[in-house]
Amino acid sequence: MEPIEINAGAWYLRALRADERIDDRPALQEGGITDPEYVPRRNAQWADESNFSWAVCDPVTAELVAEIVVTPESGGSARISGWSRPGHGAALEAGLDAVHRFVEGALGLRPEPGGRAN
């Protein structure tokens, strides 16, 4: 599956990027993610549908302020988790709400109870 962008009101969600236009790696480092293969791995997971991840971004600067990951589970459910940079909890919550709707409506999966931010 190709990455899907989601509008979450004041925020927009897109695939993680590390290219000449947008580089999410500095923001990921603030979240403790320093693996240089993290962004390519997340993009490959979209292709094999093992995980779906979104950068929750400021719509003006495109800066990553949070990340949300969906992991499909057996039995038609999905585990949803996320983290935010300090001061961006509201962006994470807005993103999580939008992703929950996407998981149910577009993917046809049931979000697992309690699968919110970690």
C-alpha atoms as a PDB file:
ATOM      1  CA  MET A   1       0.000   0.000   0.000  1.00  0.00           C
ATOM      2  CA  GLU A   2       1.185   3.521  -0.735  1.00  0.00           C
ATOM      3  CA  PRO A   3       1.310   5.921   2.251  1.00  0.00           C
ATOM      4  CA  ILE A   4      -1.947   7.782   2.810  1.00  0.00           C
ATOM      5  CA  GLU A   5      -2.072  11.398   3.985  1.00  0.00           C
ATOM      6  CA  ILE A   6      -4.744  12.282   6.544  1.00  0.00           C
ATOM      7  CA  ASN A   7      -6.184  15.671   7.418  1.00  0.00           C
ATOM      8  CA  ALA A   8      -6.604  15.965  11.185  1.00  0.00           C
ATOM      9  CA  GLY A   9      -8.044  19.471  11.403  1.00  0.00           C
ATOM     10  CA  ALA A  10      -5.244  21.794  12.492  1.00  0.00           C
ATOM     11  CA  TRP A  11      -2.659  19.085  11.724  1.00  0.00           C
ATOM     12  CA  TYR A  12      -1.862  16.907   8.790  1.00  0.00           C
ATOM     13  CA  LEU A  13      -0.452  13.406   8.780  1.00  0.00           C
ATOM     14  CA  ARG A  14       1.963  12.115   6.168  1.00  0.00           C
ATOM     15  CA  ALA A  15       4.578   9.415   5.755  1.00  0.00           C
ATOM     16  CA  LEU A  16       7.940   9.963   7.402  1.00  0.00           C
ATOM     17  CA  ARG A  17      10.499  11.614   5.146  1.00  0.00           C
ATOM     18  CA  ALA A  18      14.247  12.087   4.914  1.00  0.00           C
ATOM     19  CA  ASP A  19      14.910  13.679   1.551  1.00  0.00           C
ATOM     20  CA  GLU A  20      16.095  16.934   0.012  1.00  0.00           C
ATOM     21  CA  ARG A  21      12.789  18.705   0.790  1.00  0.00           C
ATOM     22  CA  ILE A  22      11.843  17.411   4.246  1.00  0.00           C
ATOM     23  CA  ASP A  23      14.007  15.653   6.819  1.00  0.00           C
ATOM     24  CA  ASP A  24      12.186  14.250   9.854  1.00  0.00           C
ATOM     25  CA  ARG A  25      15.335  12.772  11.405  1.00  0.00           C
ATOM     26  CA  PRO A  26      16.148  15.748  13.697  1.00  0.00           C
ATOM     27  CA  ALA A  27      12.613  15.699  15.128  1.00  0.00           C
ATOM     28  CA  LEU A  28      12.754  11.909  15.491  1.00  0.00           C
ATOM     29  CA  GLN A  29      15.988  12.286  17.453  1.00  0.00           C
ATOM     30  CA  GLU A  30      14.121  14.529  19.911  1.00  0.00           C
ATOM     31  CA  GLY A  31      11.813  11.547  20.423  1.00  0.00           C
ATOM     32  CA  GLY A  32      14.784   9.276  21.095  1.00  0.00           C
ATOM     33  CA  ILE A  33      14.779   7.642  17.652  1.00  0.00           C
ATOM     34  CA  THR A  34      18.339   7.706  16.319  1.00  0.00           C
ATOM     35  CA  ASP A  35      18.425   4.663  14.019  1.00  0.00           C
ATOM     36  CA  PRO A  36      19.526   5.922  10.563  1.00  0.00           C
ATOM     37  CA  GLU A  37      17.368   3.228   8.903  1.00  0.00           C
ATOM     38  CA  TYR A  38      14.188   4.187  10.792  1.00  0.00           C
ATOM     39  CA  VAL A  39      12.585   6.293   8.034  1.00  0.00           C
ATOM     40  CA  PRO A  40      13.347   3.842   5.183  1.00  0.00           C
ATOM     41  CA  ARG A  41      12.094   0.943   7.339  1.00  0.00           C
ATOM     42  CA  ARG A  42       8.832   2.728   8.144  1.00  0.00           C
ATOM     43  CA  ASN A  43       8.289   3.427   4.437  1.00  0.00           C
ATOM     44  CA  ALA A  44       9.010  -0.216   3.538  1.00  0.00           C
ATOM     45  CA  GLN A  45       6.445  -1.277   6.152  1.00  0.00           C
ATOM     46  CA  TRP A  46       3.781   0.672   4.279  1.00  0.00           C
ATOM     47  CA  ALA A  47       4.636  -1.347   1.174  1.00  0.00           C
ATOM     48  CA  ASP A  48       4.405  -4.719   2.929  1.00  0.00           C
ATOM     49  CA  GLU A  49       1.486  -3.551   5.125  1.00  0.00           C
ATOM     50  CA  SER A  50       3.154  -4.735   8.337  1.00  0.00           C
ATOM     51  CA  ASN A  51       2.944  -1.275   9.959  1.00  0.00           C
ATOM     52  CA  PHE A  52       1.501   2.076   8.983  1.00  0.00           C
ATOM     53  CA  SER A  53       3.117   5.209  10.388  1.00  0.00           C
ATOM     54  CA  TRP A  54       2.427   8.905  10.167  1.00  0.00           C
ATOM     55  CA  ALA A  55       4.324  12.047  10.975  1.00  0.00           C
ATOM     56  CA  VAL A  56       1.872  14.448  12.622  1.00  0.00           C
ATOM     57  CA  CYS A  57       2.930  17.774  11.150  1.00  0.00           C
ATOM     58  CA  ASP A  58       2.473  21.484  11.494  1.00  0.00           C
ATOM     59  CA  PRO A  59       0.619  22.461   8.299  1.00  0.00           C
ATOM     60  CA  VAL A  60       2.701  25.621   7.762  1.00  0.00           C
ATOM     61  CA  THR A  61       6.233  24.329   8.391  1.00  0.00           C
ATOM     62  CA  ALA A  62       5.674  20.587   7.683  1.00  0.00           C
ATOM     63  CA  GLU A  63       7.681  19.942  10.873  1.00  0.00           C
ATOM     64  CA  LEU A  64       7.073  16.597  12.591  1.00  0.00           C
ATOM     65  CA  VAL A  65       5.657  17.162  16.080  1.00  0.00           C
ATOM     66  CA  ALA A  66       4.435  13.603  16.766  1.00  0.00           C
ATOM     67  CA  GLU A  67       4.423  10.131  15.270  1.00  0.00           C
ATOM     68  CA  ILE A  68       1.655   7.536  15.143  1.00  0.00           C
ATOM     69  CA  VAL A  69       2.159   3.854  14.309  1.00  0.00           C
ATOM     70  CA  VAL A  70      -0.517   1.265  13.500  1.00  0.00           C
ATOM     71  CA  THR A  71       0.365  -2.411  13.728  1.00  0.00           C
ATOM     72  CA  PRO A  72      -2.219  -4.813  12.288  1.00  0.00           C
ATOM     73  CA  GLU A  73      -2.808  -7.791  14.580  1.00  0.00           C
ATOM     74  CA  SER A  74      -4.362 -11.187  13.983  1.00  0.00           C
ATOM     75  CA  GLY A  75      -8.125 -11.394  14.203  1.00  0.00           C
ATOM     76  CA  GLY A  76      -8.794  -8.088  12.450  1.00  0.00           C
ATOM     77  CA  SER A  77      -7.567  -5.727  15.156  1.00  0.00           C
ATOM     78  CA  ALA A  78      -4.845  -3.094  15.192  1.00  0.00           C
ATOM     79  CA  ARG A  79      -2.527  -1.742  17.867  1.00  0.00           C
ATOM     80  CA  ILE A  80      -2.165   2.047  17.678  1.00  0.00           C
ATOM     81  CA  SER A  81       0.593   3.913  19.474  1.00  0.00           C
ATOM     82  CA  GLY A  82       2.221   7.292  19.292  1.00  0.00           C
ATOM     83  CA  TRP A  83       4.523   9.805  20.890  1.00  0.00           C
ATOM     84  CA  SER A  84       4.884  13.559  20.698  1.00  0.00           C
ATOM     85  CA  ARG A  85       7.608  16.084  21.136  1.00  0.00           C
ATOM     86  CA  PRO A  86       7.273  18.160  24.325  1.00  0.00           C
ATOM     87  CA  GLY A  87       4.370  20.597  24.167  1.00  0.00           C
ATOM     88  CA  HIS A  88       2.615  18.815  21.292  1.00  0.00           C
ATOM     89  CA  GLY A  89       0.286  16.433  23.105  1.00  0.00           C
ATOM     90  CA  ALA A  90      -2.776  18.055  21.513  1.00  0.00           C
ATOM     91  CA  ALA A  91      -1.391  17.365  18.036  1.00  0.00           C
ATOM     92  CA  LEU A  92      -0.860  13.725  18.972  1.00  0.00           C
ATOM     93  CA  GLU A  93      -4.414  13.384  20.300  1.00  0.00           C
ATOM     94  CA  ALA A  94      -5.907  14.977  17.179  1.00  0.00           C
ATOM     95  CA  GLY A  95      -3.801  12.670  15.027  1.00  0.00           C
ATOM     96  CA  LEU A  96      -4.773   9.601  17.025  1.00  0.00           C
ATOM     97  CA  ASP A  97      -8.471  10.405  16.613  1.00  0.00           C
ATOM     98  CA  ALA A  98      -8.040  10.706  12.830  1.00  0.00           C
ATOM     99  CA  VAL A  99      -5.975   7.519  12.623  1.00  0.00           C
ATOM    100  CA  HIS A 100      -8.552   5.573  14.643  1.00  0.00           C
ATOM    101  CA  ARG A 101     -11.198   6.586  12.086  1.00  0.00           C
ATOM    102  CA  PHE A 102      -8.863   5.614   9.211  1.00  0.00           C
ATOM    103  CA  VAL A 103      -8.082   2.225  10.766  1.00  0.00           C
ATOM    104  CA  GLU A 104     -11.765   1.419  11.142  1.00  0.00           C
ATOM    105  CA  GLY A 105     -13.075   2.941   7.920  1.00  0.00           C
ATOM    106  CA  ALA A 106     -10.303   2.437   5.363  1.00  0.00           C
ATOM    107  CA  LEU A 107      -8.461  -0.591   6.722  1.00  0.00           C
ATOM    108  CA  GLY A 108     -11.487  -2.341   8.206  1.00  0.00           C
ATOM    109  CA  LEU A 109      -9.605  -3.102  11.440  1.00  0.00           C
ATOM    110  CA  ARG A 110     -10.724  -2.732  15.053  1.00  0.00           C
ATOM    111  CA  PRO A 111      -8.450  -0.514  17.162  1.00  0.00           C
ATOM    112  CA  GLU A 112      -7.470  -2.401  20.295  1.00  0.00           C
ATOM    113  CA  PRO A 113      -8.864  -0.900  23.497  1.00  0.00           C
ATOM    114  CA  GLY A 114      -6.406   1.316  25.278  1.00  0.00           C
ATOM    115  CA  GLY A 115      -4.125   1.527  22.254  1.00  0.00           C
ATOM    116  CA  ARG A 116      -3.353   5.216  22.662  1.00  0.00           C
ATOM    117  CA  ALA A 117      -0.190   7.232  23.137  1.00  0.00           C
ATOM    118  CA  ASN A 118       2.818   5.758  24.875  1.00  0.00           C
END
